[in-house]
């Protein structure tokens, strides 16, 4: 009995001790939230600014790309005979108003090899006017071949020539002033020869039809070239042709160049790779909207320089002596 009471008493005591050791249940304290931190920026290297790429400027051409180039050639007068001479008042007006080449020299004497050199780049061993026509045929390329290969056209107007591609002579039309007829690739191609070697009278019809070739070569007859007749008649011939050509070329609103020159002078002055005794000093005038006005160019030039300059304007290969380093390219007059 005592044992049972003792066990019950011990059980109650243990229960009370356990309760006393338990902490009192209280309301939980509110949880404090930690402040939210902004994410740190990711550090990277600052990119270099993209450089501005400027276009490379296109270099200006050495010679303008003319739509039309015209040569009018006279005969056998030295520079000092022409410049300042009142008998060539119109020529001198053009010379003072446009560009005058004051040191231009012909290739040689007499006439024919000078004409040949202007379109062939060489005299091809010709030393006279080839009265024996067949002895002076030239089987070589010439400026017209290169012009046609570039897609351009050419025509020579020969004063007093009786008919296209005429191989003979008359009292006023002389073959030695028509270099084109001596080149086999032109003369032996009948269609080509008939189309491009024509009398001067054809120019009026071509102007009326707005059908001027890209390259034009005008030769006056033996009188109007100043070979046999007075300078004032040559001057009148020049003005008559210019009065036709100026309006026709201006109306196209395209670049053009008119070259007034002489086949040879009366002396044997020389320059720029020519033989010591060459064809004399001649007066050459350049007329173009792209050329300077009231300008004189004292650079030494030869007939090969004219050929070289035409070739450069149209991107053609240089023929013969036009490729020589001594042959100056005409560059100073262009605007």
C-alpha atoms as a PDB file:
ATOM      1  CA  UNK A   1       0.000   0.000   0.000  1.00  0.00           C
ATOM      2  CA  UNK A   2       2.812   2.334   1.004  1.00  0.00           C
ATOM      3  CA  UNK A   3       4.703   1.315  -2.095  1.00  0.00           C
ATOM      4  CA  UNK A   4       1.771   2.167  -4.391  1.00  0.00           C
ATOM      5  CA  UNK A   5       1.369   5.681  -2.797  1.00  0.00           C
ATOM      6  CA  UNK A   6       5.059   6.256  -3.172  1.00  0.00           C
ATOM      7  CA  UNK A   7       4.991   5.453  -6.919  1.00  0.00           C
ATOM      8  CA  UNK A   8       2.000   7.752  -7.552  1.00  0.00           C
ATOM      9  CA  UNK A   9       3.684  10.589  -5.666  1.00  0.00           C
ATOM     10  CA  UNK A  10       6.886  10.211  -7.677  1.00  0.00           C
ATOM     11  CA  UNK A  11       4.942  10.312 -10.947  1.00  0.00           C
ATOM     12  CA  UNK A  12       3.145  13.570 -10.038  1.00  0.00           C
ATOM     13  CA  UNK A  13       6.446  15.212  -8.953  1.00  0.00           C
ATOM     14  CA  UNK A  14       8.142  14.323 -12.192  1.00  0.00           C
ATOM     15  CA  UNK A  15       5.224  15.781 -14.171  1.00  0.00           C
ATOM     16  CA  UNK A  16       5.384  19.059 -12.227  1.00  0.00           C
ATOM     17  CA  UNK A  17       9.150  19.359 -12.744  1.00  0.00           C
ATOM     18  CA  UNK A  18       8.809  18.860 -16.481  1.00  0.00           C
ATOM     19  CA  UNK A  19       6.152  21.619 -16.712  1.00  0.00           C
ATOM     20  CA  UNK A  20       8.272  24.019 -14.698  1.00  0.00           C
ATOM     21  CA  UNK A  21      11.233  23.572 -17.074  1.00  0.00           C
ATOM     22  CA  UNK A  22       9.145  24.305 -20.263  1.00  0.00           C
ATOM     23  CA  UNK A  23       9.380  27.985 -21.351  1.00  0.00           C
ATOM     24  CA  UNK A  24       6.141  29.881 -21.426  1.00  0.00           C
ATOM     25  CA  UNK A  25       4.559  29.985 -24.890  1.00  0.00           C
ATOM     26  CA  UNK A  26       4.601  33.580 -26.191  1.00  0.00           C
ATOM     27  CA  UNK A  27       3.680  35.325 -29.491  1.00  0.00           C
ATOM     28  CA  UNK A  28       6.562  35.015 -31.914  1.00  0.00           C
ATOM     29  CA  UNK A  29       8.388  38.277 -32.670  1.00  0.00           C
ATOM     30  CA  UNK A  30       7.930  39.508 -36.190  1.00  0.00           C
ATOM     31  CA  UNK A  31      10.775  38.502 -38.544  1.00  0.00           C
ATOM     32  CA  UNK A  32      12.784  41.510 -39.802  1.00  0.00           C
ATOM     33  CA  UNK A  33      13.492  41.283 -43.552  1.00  0.00           C
ATOM     34  CA  UNK A  34      17.009  42.189 -44.772  1.00  0.00           C
ATOM     35  CA  UNK A  35      17.253  45.155 -47.161  1.00  0.00           C
ATOM     36  CA  UNK A  36      17.378  44.171 -50.824  1.00  0.00           C
ATOM     37  CA  UNK A  37      20.715  45.160 -52.420  1.00  0.00           C
ATOM     38  CA  UNK A  38      20.827  46.279 -56.028  1.00  0.00           C
ATOM     39  CA  UNK A  39      22.961  43.958 -58.146  1.00  0.00           C
ATOM     40  CA  UNK A  40      26.456  45.245 -58.735  1.00  0.00           C
ATOM     41  CA  UNK A  41      27.091  46.354 -62.308  1.00  0.00           C
ATOM     42  CA  UNK A  42      29.289  44.103 -64.380  1.00  0.00           C
ATOM     43  CA  UNK A  43      32.375  46.101 -65.233  1.00  0.00           C
ATOM     44  CA  UNK A  44      33.517  45.859 -68.875  1.00  0.00           C
ATOM     45  CA  UNK A  45      36.076  47.805 -70.958  1.00  0.00           C
ATOM     46  CA  UNK A  46      34.697  50.938 -72.644  1.00  0.00           C
ATOM     47  CA  UNK A  47      34.476  50.156 -76.393  1.00  0.00           C
ATOM     48  CA  UNK A  48      36.561  52.286 -78.722  1.00  0.00           C
ATOM     49  CA  UNK A  49      34.441  54.579 -80.943  1.00  0.00           C
ATOM     50  CA  UNK A  50      33.951  53.233 -84.480  1.00  0.00           C
ATOM     51  CA  UNK A  51      36.159  55.275 -86.796  1.00  0.00           C
ATOM     52  CA  UNK A  52      34.399  57.159 -89.580  1.00  0.00           C
ATOM     53  CA  UNK A  53      35.553  55.760 -92.931  1.00  0.00           C
ATOM     54  CA  UNK A  54      35.837  58.565 -95.443  1.00  0.00           C
ATOM     55  CA  UNK A  55      35.626  57.699 -99.151  1.00  0.00           C
ATOM     56  CA  UNK A  56      38.890  57.976-101.044  1.00  0.00           C
ATOM     57  CA  UNK A  57      38.582  60.943-103.391  1.00  0.00           C
ATOM     58  CA  UNK A  58      38.634  59.996-107.065  1.00  0.00           C
ATOM     59  CA  UNK A  59      41.665  61.603-108.698  1.00  0.00           C
ATOM     60  CA  UNK A  60      40.839  64.062-111.429  1.00  0.00           C
ATOM     61  CA  UNK A  61      41.709  62.866-114.948  1.00  0.00           C
ATOM     62  CA  UNK A  62      44.840  64.346-116.504  1.00  0.00           C
ATOM     63  CA  UNK A  63      42.829  65.287-119.601  1.00  0.00           C
ATOM     64  CA  UNK A  64      39.050  65.784-119.817  1.00  0.00           C
ATOM     65  CA  UNK A  65      36.990  63.093-121.507  1.00  0.00           C
ATOM     66  CA  UNK A  66      35.820  65.135-124.477  1.00  0.00           C
ATOM     67  CA  UNK A  67      32.772  64.088-126.456  1.00  0.00           C
ATOM     68  CA  UNK A  68      34.177  65.696-129.599  1.00  0.00           C
ATOM     69  CA  UNK A  69      37.722  66.578-130.646  1.00  0.00           C
ATOM     70  CA  UNK A  70      38.239  68.656-133.812  1.00  0.00           C
ATOM     71  CA  UNK A  71      41.550  69.404-135.531  1.00  0.00           C
ATOM     72  CA  UNK A  72      41.795  72.148-138.174  1.00  0.00           C
ATOM     73  CA  UNK A  73      45.264  72.182-139.703  1.00  0.00           C
ATOM     74  CA  UNK A  74      46.979  74.829-141.847  1.00  0.00           C
ATOM     75  CA  UNK A  75      50.203  74.852-143.826  1.00  0.00           C
ATOM     76  CA  UNK A  76      53.824  75.906-143.536  1.00  0.00           C
ATOM     77  CA  UNK A  77      53.921  78.948-141.287  1.00  0.00           C
ATOM     78  CA  UNK A  78      56.234  79.624-138.367  1.00  0.00           C
ATOM     79  CA  UNK A  79      54.865  80.772-134.989  1.00  0.00           C
ATOM     80  CA  UNK A  80      56.169  84.328-135.457  1.00  0.00           C
ATOM     81  CA  UNK A  81      54.605  84.581-138.898  1.00  0.00           C
ATOM     82  CA  UNK A  82      51.132  83.904-137.510  1.00  0.00           C
ATOM     83  CA  UNK A  83      50.946  85.286-133.970  1.00  0.00           C
ATOM     84  CA  UNK A  84      50.535  89.041-134.037  1.00  0.00           C
ATOM     85  CA  UNK A  85      49.907  89.108-137.794  1.00  0.00           C
ATOM     86  CA  UNK A  86      46.942  91.302-138.737  1.00  0.00           C
ATOM     87  CA  UNK A  87      46.245  89.111-141.776  1.00  0.00           C
ATOM     88  CA  UNK A  88      45.143  86.415-139.334  1.00  0.00           C
ATOM     89  CA  UNK A  89      43.098  88.629-137.054  1.00  0.00           C
ATOM     90  CA  UNK A  90      40.507  85.954-136.263  1.00  0.00           C
ATOM     91  CA  UNK A  91      43.146  83.301-135.510  1.00  0.00           C
ATOM     92  CA  UNK A  92      44.871  85.780-133.185  1.00  0.00           C
ATOM     93  CA  UNK A  93      41.588  86.644-131.488  1.00  0.00           C
ATOM     94  CA  UNK A  94      41.078  82.962-130.693  1.00  0.00           C
ATOM     95  CA  UNK A  95      44.721  82.605-129.617  1.00  0.00           C
ATOM     96  CA  UNK A  96      44.431  85.466-127.122  1.00  0.00           C
ATOM     97  CA  UNK A  97      40.981  84.457-125.850  1.00  0.00           C
ATOM     98  CA  UNK A  98      41.682  80.760-125.293  1.00  0.00           C
ATOM     99  CA  UNK A  99      44.852  78.663-124.749  1.00  0.00           C
ATOM    100  CA  UNK A 100      47.906  79.246-126.924  1.00  0.00           C
ATOM    101  CA  UNK A 101      50.737  76.688-126.917  1.00  0.00           C
ATOM    102  CA  UNK A 102      53.816  78.857-127.339  1.00  0.00           C
ATOM    103  CA  UNK A 103      56.400  76.042-127.637  1.00  0.00           C
ATOM    104  CA  UNK A 104      54.813  73.532-130.014  1.00  0.00           C
ATOM    105  CA  UNK A 105      57.111  71.990-132.625  1.00  0.00           C
ATOM    106  CA  UNK A 106      56.374  70.101-135.830  1.00  0.00           C
ATOM    107  CA  UNK A 107      57.910  66.680-136.359  1.00  0.00           C
ATOM    108  CA  UNK A 108      59.920  67.234-139.528  1.00  0.00           C
ATOM    109  CA  UNK A 109      59.737  68.532-143.107  1.00  0.00           C
ATOM    110  CA  UNK A 110      57.906  68.329-145.526  1.00  0.00           C
ATOM    111  CA  UNK A 111      54.113  68.119-145.068  1.00  0.00           C
ATOM    112  CA  UNK A 112      53.145  64.449-145.344  1.00  0.00           C
ATOM    113  CA  UNK A 113      55.303  62.949-142.539  1.00  0.00           C
ATOM    114  CA  UNK A 114      53.925  65.620-140.179  1.00  0.00           C
ATOM    115  CA  UNK A 115      50.352  64.623-140.969  1.00  0.00           C
ATOM    116  CA  UNK A 116      51.263  60.949-140.655  1.00  0.00           C
ATOM    117  CA  UNK A 117      52.893  61.518-137.252  1.00  0.00           C
ATOM    118  CA  UNK A 118      49.762  63.251-135.918  1.00  0.00           C
ATOM    119  CA  UNK A 119      47.626  60.121-136.330  1.00  0.00           C
ATOM    120  CA  UNK A 120      50.212  57.340-136.440  1.00  0.00           C
ATOM    121  CA  UNK A 121      52.785  58.247-133.800  1.00  0.00           C
ATOM    122  CA  UNK A 122      55.653  57.909-136.287  1.00  0.00           C
ATOM    123  CA  UNK A 123      56.760  59.050-139.720  1.00  0.00           C
ATOM    124  CA  UNK A 124      57.292  55.398-140.769  1.00  0.00           C
ATOM    125  CA  UNK A 125      60.423  56.389-142.671  1.00  0.00           C
ATOM    126  CA  UNK A 126      58.544  58.779-144.970  1.00  0.00           C
ATOM    127  CA  UNK A 127      60.780  61.740-145.822  1.00  0.00           C
ATOM    128  CA  UNK A 128      58.924  63.340-148.756  1.00  0.00           C
ATOM    129  CA  UNK A 129      55.372  63.951-149.966  1.00  0.00           C
ATOM    130  CA  UNK A 130      55.121  60.576-151.739  1.00  0.00           C
ATOM    131  CA  UNK A 131      54.203  61.576-155.263  1.00  0.00           C
ATOM    132  CA  UNK A 132      54.520  57.834-155.880  1.00  0.00           C
ATOM    133  CA  UNK A 133      51.452  56.945-153.823  1.00  0.00           C
ATOM    134  CA  UNK A 134      52.038  53.190-153.695  1.00  0.00           C
ATOM    135  CA  UNK A 135      55.527  53.597-152.247  1.00  0.00           C
ATOM    136  CA  UNK A 136      54.169  55.080-149.024  1.00  0.00           C
ATOM    137  CA  UNK A 137      51.367  52.719-147.993  1.00  0.00           C
ATOM    138  CA  UNK A 138      51.452  52.040-144.247  1.00  0.00           C
ATOM    139  CA  UNK A 139      50.243  48.731-142.849  1.00  0.00           C
ATOM    140  CA  UNK A 140      50.069  49.812-139.208  1.00  0.00           C
ATOM    141  CA  UNK A 141      47.390  50.848-136.721  1.00  0.00           C
ATOM    142  CA  UNK A 142      46.500  54.528-136.502  1.00  0.00           C
ATOM    143  CA  UNK A 143      44.386  56.737-134.274  1.00  0.00           C
ATOM    144  CA  UNK A 144      41.128  55.925-136.149  1.00  0.00           C
ATOM    145  CA  UNK A 145      41.594  52.202-135.378  1.00  0.00           C
ATOM    146  CA  UNK A 146      41.816  52.952-131.662  1.00  0.00           C
ATOM    147  CA  UNK A 147      38.896  55.371-131.804  1.00  0.00           C
ATOM    148  CA  UNK A 148      36.633  52.796-133.446  1.00  0.00           C
ATOM    149  CA  UNK A 149      37.756  50.089-131.012  1.00  0.00           C
ATOM    150  CA  UNK A 150      36.625  52.346-128.151  1.00  0.00           C
ATOM    151  CA  UNK A 151      33.135  52.652-129.644  1.00  0.00           C
ATOM    152  CA  UNK A 152      33.655  56.195-130.929  1.00  0.00           C
ATOM    153  CA  UNK A 153      33.442  57.560-134.457  1.00  0.00           C
ATOM    154  CA  UNK A 154      35.787  59.587-136.668  1.00  0.00           C
ATOM    155  CA  UNK A 155      35.664  61.484-139.932  1.00  0.00           C
ATOM    156  CA  UNK A 156      38.032  63.633-141.954  1.00  0.00           C
ATOM    157  CA  UNK A 157      36.593  66.467-144.064  1.00  0.00           C
ATOM    158  CA  UNK A 158      38.923  67.190-146.991  1.00  0.00           C
ATOM    159  CA  UNK A 159      38.341  70.498-148.755  1.00  0.00           C
ATOM    160  CA  UNK A 160      37.827  70.187-152.539  1.00  0.00           C
ATOM    161  CA  UNK A 161      38.028  66.384-152.462  1.00  0.00           C
ATOM    162  CA  UNK A 162      35.829  65.273-155.407  1.00  0.00           C
ATOM    163  CA  UNK A 163      34.294  62.214-153.710  1.00  0.00           C
ATOM    164  CA  UNK A 164      34.636  60.030-150.603  1.00  0.00           C
ATOM    165  CA  UNK A 165      37.792  57.916-150.342  1.00  0.00           C
ATOM    166  CA  UNK A 166      39.292  59.593-153.388  1.00  0.00           C
ATOM    167  CA  UNK A 167      42.828  58.334-154.085  1.00  0.00           C
ATOM    168  CA  UNK A 168      43.801  60.834-156.752  1.00  0.00           C
ATOM    169  CA  UNK A 169      44.537  64.566-156.686  1.00  0.00           C
ATOM    170  CA  UNK A 170      43.126  67.754-158.196  1.00  0.00           C
ATOM    171  CA  UNK A 171      44.546  71.226-158.638  1.00  0.00           C
ATOM    172  CA  UNK A 172      43.393  72.186-155.121  1.00  0.00           C
ATOM    173  CA  UNK A 173      43.017  68.886-153.257  1.00  0.00           C
ATOM    174  CA  UNK A 174      46.387  67.263-152.547  1.00  0.00           C
ATOM    175  CA  UNK A 175      46.697  63.764-151.161  1.00  0.00           C
ATOM    176  CA  UNK A 176      49.747  64.681-149.051  1.00  0.00           C
ATOM    177  CA  UNK A 177      47.436  66.622-146.734  1.00  0.00           C
ATOM    178  CA  UNK A 178      45.217  63.596-146.134  1.00  0.00           C
ATOM    179  CA  UNK A 179      47.156  61.136-143.949  1.00  0.00           C
ATOM    180  CA  UNK A 180      44.251  58.707-143.534  1.00  0.00           C
ATOM    181  CA  UNK A 181      44.338  57.511-147.140  1.00  0.00           C
ATOM    182  CA  UNK A 182      47.889  56.185-146.666  1.00  0.00           C
ATOM    183  CA  UNK A 183      46.967  53.626-143.978  1.00  0.00           C
ATOM    184  CA  UNK A 184      46.095  50.207-145.412  1.00  0.00           C
ATOM    185  CA  UNK A 185      43.514  49.279-142.735  1.00  0.00           C
ATOM    186  CA  UNK A 186      41.502  52.359-143.780  1.00  0.00           C
ATOM    187  CA  UNK A 187      42.092  52.593-147.528  1.00  0.00           C
ATOM    188  CA  UNK A 188      41.556  48.886-148.205  1.00  0.00           C
ATOM    189  CA  UNK A 189      38.263  48.756-146.286  1.00  0.00           C
ATOM    190  CA  UNK A 190      35.954  50.296-148.886  1.00  0.00           C
ATOM    191  CA  UNK A 191      32.947  50.776-146.608  1.00  0.00           C
ATOM    192  CA  UNK A 192      35.038  52.315-143.864  1.00  0.00           C
ATOM    193  CA  UNK A 193      36.927  54.574-146.262  1.00  0.00           C
ATOM    194  CA  UNK A 194      33.739  55.807-147.973  1.00  0.00           C
ATOM    195  CA  UNK A 195      32.127  56.533-144.621  1.00  0.00           C
ATOM    196  CA  UNK A 196      34.980  58.392-142.974  1.00  0.00           C
ATOM    197  CA  UNK A 197      37.118  60.124-145.661  1.00  0.00           C
ATOM    198  CA  UNK A 198      34.737  62.626-147.205  1.00  0.00           C
ATOM    199  CA  UNK A 199      34.609  66.049-148.897  1.00  0.00           C
ATOM    200  CA  UNK A 200      34.276  69.086-146.648  1.00  0.00           C
ATOM    201  CA  UNK A 201      30.842  69.791-148.118  1.00  0.00           C
ATOM    202  CA  UNK A 202      29.548  66.759-146.183  1.00  0.00           C
ATOM    203  CA  UNK A 203      30.042  68.596-142.884  1.00  0.00           C
ATOM    204  CA  UNK A 204      26.997  70.821-143.415  1.00  0.00           C
ATOM    205  CA  UNK A 205      24.747  67.774-143.802  1.00  0.00           C
ATOM    206  CA  UNK A 206      26.275  66.105-140.749  1.00  0.00           C
ATOM    207  CA  UNK A 207      25.718  69.199-138.630  1.00  0.00           C
ATOM    208  CA  UNK A 208      22.118  69.479-139.835  1.00  0.00           C
ATOM    209  CA  UNK A 209      21.547  65.817-138.927  1.00  0.00           C
ATOM    210  CA  UNK A 210      23.236  66.263-135.522  1.00  0.00           C
ATOM    211  CA  UNK A 211      25.648  63.553-136.633  1.00  0.00           C
ATOM    212  CA  UNK A 212      29.124  64.939-136.004  1.00  0.00           C
ATOM    213  CA  UNK A 213      31.739  62.272-135.321  1.00  0.00           C
ATOM    214  CA  UNK A 214      33.644  62.139-132.038  1.00  0.00           C
ATOM    215  CA  UNK A 215      36.931  62.867-133.841  1.00  0.00           C
ATOM    216  CA  UNK A 216      36.989  65.335-136.743  1.00  0.00           C
ATOM    217  CA  UNK A 217      39.995  66.284-138.878  1.00  0.00           C
ATOM    218  CA  UNK A 218      39.528  69.228-141.276  1.00  0.00           C
ATOM    219  CA  UNK A 219      42.030  69.986-144.032  1.00  0.00           C
ATOM    220  CA  UNK A 220      41.599  73.150-146.146  1.00  0.00           C
ATOM    221  CA  UNK A 221      42.572  72.964-149.797  1.00  0.00           C
ATOM    222  CA  UNK A 222      45.971  74.131-151.048  1.00  0.00           C
ATOM    223  CA  UNK A 223      44.809  77.762-151.149  1.00  0.00           C
ATOM    224  CA  UNK A 224      42.822  78.130-147.911  1.00  0.00           C
ATOM    225  CA  UNK A 225      45.483  76.263-145.945  1.00  0.00           C
ATOM    226  CA  UNK A 226      47.837  79.248-146.485  1.00  0.00           C
ATOM    227  CA  UNK A 227      50.153  77.027-148.542  1.00  0.00           C
ATOM    228  CA  UNK A 228      49.611  78.823-151.850  1.00  0.00           C
ATOM    229  CA  UNK A 229      47.413  81.786-150.923  1.00  0.00           C
ATOM    230  CA  UNK A 230      47.480  84.632-148.427  1.00  0.00           C
ATOM    231  CA  UNK A 231      47.006  84.349-144.680  1.00  0.00           C
ATOM    232  CA  UNK A 232      43.854  86.438-144.763  1.00  0.00           C
ATOM    233  CA  UNK A 233      42.151  83.820-146.977  1.00  0.00           C
ATOM    234  CA  UNK A 234      43.136  81.104-144.499  1.00  0.00           C
ATOM    235  CA  UNK A 235      41.723  83.282-141.735  1.00  0.00           C
ATOM    236  CA  UNK A 236      38.415  83.672-143.599  1.00  0.00           C
ATOM    237  CA  UNK A 237      38.245  79.901-144.115  1.00  0.00           C
ATOM    238  CA  UNK A 238      38.831  79.361-140.383  1.00  0.00           C
ATOM    239  CA  UNK A 239      36.063  81.757-139.371  1.00  0.00           C
ATOM    240  CA  UNK A 240      33.625  80.127-141.789  1.00  0.00           C
ATOM    241  CA  UNK A 241      34.227  76.690-140.278  1.00  0.00           C
ATOM    242  CA  UNK A 242      34.156  77.949-136.683  1.00  0.00           C
ATOM    243  CA  UNK A 243      30.852  79.724-137.303  1.00  0.00           C
ATOM    244  CA  UNK A 244      29.422  76.291-138.112  1.00  0.00           C
ATOM    245  CA  UNK A 245      31.220  74.227-135.497  1.00  0.00           C
ATOM    246  CA  UNK A 246      30.794  76.474-132.457  1.00  0.00           C
ATOM    247  CA  UNK A 247      26.967  76.389-132.395  1.00  0.00           C
ATOM    248  CA  UNK A 248      26.866  72.683-133.252  1.00  0.00           C
ATOM    249  CA  UNK A 249      29.242  71.697-130.442  1.00  0.00           C
ATOM    250  CA  UNK A 250      27.813  74.124-127.889  1.00  0.00           C
ATOM    251  CA  UNK A 251      24.304  72.803-128.498  1.00  0.00           C
ATOM    252  CA  UNK A 252      25.316  69.345-127.270  1.00  0.00           C
ATOM    253  CA  UNK A 253      26.198  70.742-123.804  1.00  0.00           C
ATOM    254  CA  UNK A 254      29.013  68.159-123.761  1.00  0.00           C
ATOM    255  CA  UNK A 255      32.775  68.647-123.363  1.00  0.00           C
ATOM    256  CA  UNK A 256      34.604  69.363-126.619  1.00  0.00           C
ATOM    257  CA  UNK A 257      38.023  70.453-127.834  1.00  0.00           C
ATOM    258  CA  UNK A 258      38.966  72.300-131.021  1.00  0.00           C
ATOM    259  CA  UNK A 259      42.663  72.256-131.949  1.00  0.00           C
ATOM    260  CA  UNK A 260      43.930  74.830-134.449  1.00  0.00           C
ATOM    261  CA  UNK A 261      47.436  73.988-135.641  1.00  0.00           C
ATOM    262  CA  UNK A 262      49.909  73.917-138.556  1.00  0.00           C
ATOM    263  CA  UNK A 263      51.600  70.961-140.195  1.00  0.00           C
ATOM    264  CA  UNK A 264      55.073  72.569-140.016  1.00  0.00           C
ATOM    265  CA  UNK A 265      56.889  75.845-139.585  1.00  0.00           C
ATOM    266  CA  UNK A 266      59.524  77.405-141.807  1.00  0.00           C
ATOM    267  CA  UNK A 267      62.488  76.704-139.569  1.00  0.00           C
ATOM    268  CA  UNK A 268      64.095  73.562-138.169  1.00  0.00           C
ATOM    269  CA  UNK A 269      63.506  74.201-134.468  1.00  0.00           C
ATOM    270  CA  UNK A 270      63.187  71.098-132.323  1.00  0.00           C
ATOM    271  CA  UNK A 271      62.304  69.842-128.856  1.00  0.00           C
ATOM    272  CA  UNK A 272      61.248  66.935-126.708  1.00  0.00           C
ATOM    273  CA  UNK A 273      62.832  63.912-128.302  1.00  0.00           C
ATOM    274  CA  UNK A 274      62.571  65.080-131.932  1.00  0.00           C
ATOM    275  CA  UNK A 275      65.675  65.008-134.140  1.00  0.00           C
ATOM    276  CA  UNK A 276      67.949  68.049-133.732  1.00  0.00           C
ATOM    277  CA  UNK A 277      66.555  69.491-136.946  1.00  0.00           C
ATOM    278  CA  UNK A 278      62.793  69.116-136.745  1.00  0.00           C
ATOM    279  CA  UNK A 279      59.790  70.866-138.291  1.00  0.00           C
ATOM    280  CA  UNK A 280      59.862  74.340-136.808  1.00  0.00           C
ATOM    281  CA  UNK A 281      57.867  76.136-134.126  1.00  0.00           C
ATOM    282  CA  UNK A 282      54.140  76.450-134.832  1.00  0.00           C
ATOM    283  CA  UNK A 283      51.151  78.272-133.353  1.00  0.00           C
ATOM    284  CA  UNK A 284      48.613  75.911-131.776  1.00  0.00           C
ATOM    285  CA  UNK A 285      45.402  77.044-130.108  1.00  0.00           C
ATOM    286  CA  UNK A 286      43.140  74.952-127.842  1.00  0.00           C
ATOM    287  CA  UNK A 287      39.492  75.999-127.643  1.00  0.00           C
ATOM    288  CA  UNK A 288      37.261  74.272-125.109  1.00  0.00           C
ATOM    289  CA  UNK A 289      34.875  75.023-122.237  1.00  0.00           C
ATOM    290  CA  UNK A 290      37.257  72.816-120.227  1.00  0.00           C
ATOM    291  CA  UNK A 291      40.364  74.858-121.149  1.00  0.00           C
ATOM    292  CA  UNK A 292      41.589  78.062-119.557  1.00  0.00           C
ATOM    293  CA  UNK A 293      40.872  81.364-121.234  1.00  0.00           C
ATOM    294  CA  UNK A 294      43.555  83.994-121.951  1.00  0.00           C
ATOM    295  CA  UNK A 295      46.194  81.374-121.135  1.00  0.00           C
ATOM    296  CA  UNK A 296      49.610  80.640-122.617  1.00  0.00           C
ATOM    297  CA  UNK A 297      51.290  77.286-122.055  1.00  0.00           C
ATOM    298  CA  UNK A 298      55.079  77.381-122.551  1.00  0.00           C
ATOM    299  CA  UNK A 299      55.604  73.631-122.094  1.00  0.00           C
ATOM    300  CA  UNK A 300      57.594  72.140-125.022  1.00  0.00           C
ATOM    301  CA  UNK A 301      55.241  69.996-127.144  1.00  0.00           C
ATOM    302  CA  UNK A 302      55.414  68.162-130.466  1.00  0.00           C
ATOM    303  CA  UNK A 303      52.816  66.682-132.812  1.00  0.00           C
ATOM    304  CA  UNK A 304      53.208  63.483-130.805  1.00  0.00           C
ATOM    305  CA  UNK A 305      51.936  65.427-127.769  1.00  0.00           C
ATOM    306  CA  UNK A 306      48.632  66.093-129.547  1.00  0.00           C
ATOM    307  CA  UNK A 307      48.264  62.393-130.332  1.00  0.00           C
ATOM    308  CA  UNK A 308      49.189  61.468-126.756  1.00  0.00           C
ATOM    309  CA  UNK A 309      46.676  63.928-125.318  1.00  0.00           C
ATOM    310  CA  UNK A 310      43.819  62.664-127.493  1.00  0.00           C
ATOM    311  CA  UNK A 311      44.679  59.108-126.471  1.00  0.00           C
ATOM    312  CA  UNK A 312      44.761  60.053-122.789  1.00  0.00           C
ATOM    313  CA  UNK A 313      41.394  61.828-123.013  1.00  0.00           C
ATOM    314  CA  UNK A 314      39.756  58.691-124.383  1.00  0.00           C
ATOM    315  CA  UNK A 315      41.733  56.015-122.557  1.00  0.00           C
ATOM    316  CA  UNK A 316      43.415  54.740-125.735  1.00  0.00           C
ATOM    317  CA  UNK A 317      46.837  53.091-126.002  1.00  0.00           C
ATOM    318  CA  UNK A 318      49.703  55.390-126.947  1.00  0.00           C
ATOM    319  CA  UNK A 319      50.902  54.868-130.503  1.00  0.00           C
ATOM    320  CA  UNK A 320      54.583  55.023-131.420  1.00  0.00           C
ATOM    321  CA  UNK A 321      56.388  58.092-130.119  1.00  0.00           C
ATOM    322  CA  UNK A 322      53.301  59.255-128.253  1.00  0.00           C
ATOM    323  CA  UNK A 323      54.440  56.760-125.607  1.00  0.00           C
ATOM    324  CA  UNK A 324      57.928  58.296-125.289  1.00  0.00           C
ATOM    325  CA  UNK A 325      58.806  59.900-121.960  1.00  0.00           C
ATOM    326  CA  UNK A 326      60.118  62.941-123.863  1.00  0.00           C
ATOM    327  CA  UNK A 327      56.661  63.466-125.371  1.00  0.00           C
ATOM    328  CA  UNK A 328      54.847  65.782-122.984  1.00  0.00           C
ATOM    329  CA  UNK A 329      51.184  65.238-122.254  1.00  0.00           C
ATOM    330  CA  UNK A 330      49.181  68.462-122.517  1.00  0.00           C
ATOM    331  CA  UNK A 331      47.813  69.004-118.994  1.00  0.00           C
ATOM    332  CA  UNK A 332      48.388  72.634-117.977  1.00  0.00           C
ATOM    333  CA  UNK A 333      45.469  74.211-119.879  1.00  0.00           C
ATOM    334  CA  UNK A 334      42.628  72.223-118.318  1.00  0.00           C
ATOM    335  CA  UNK A 335      40.487  73.852-115.675  1.00  0.00           C
END
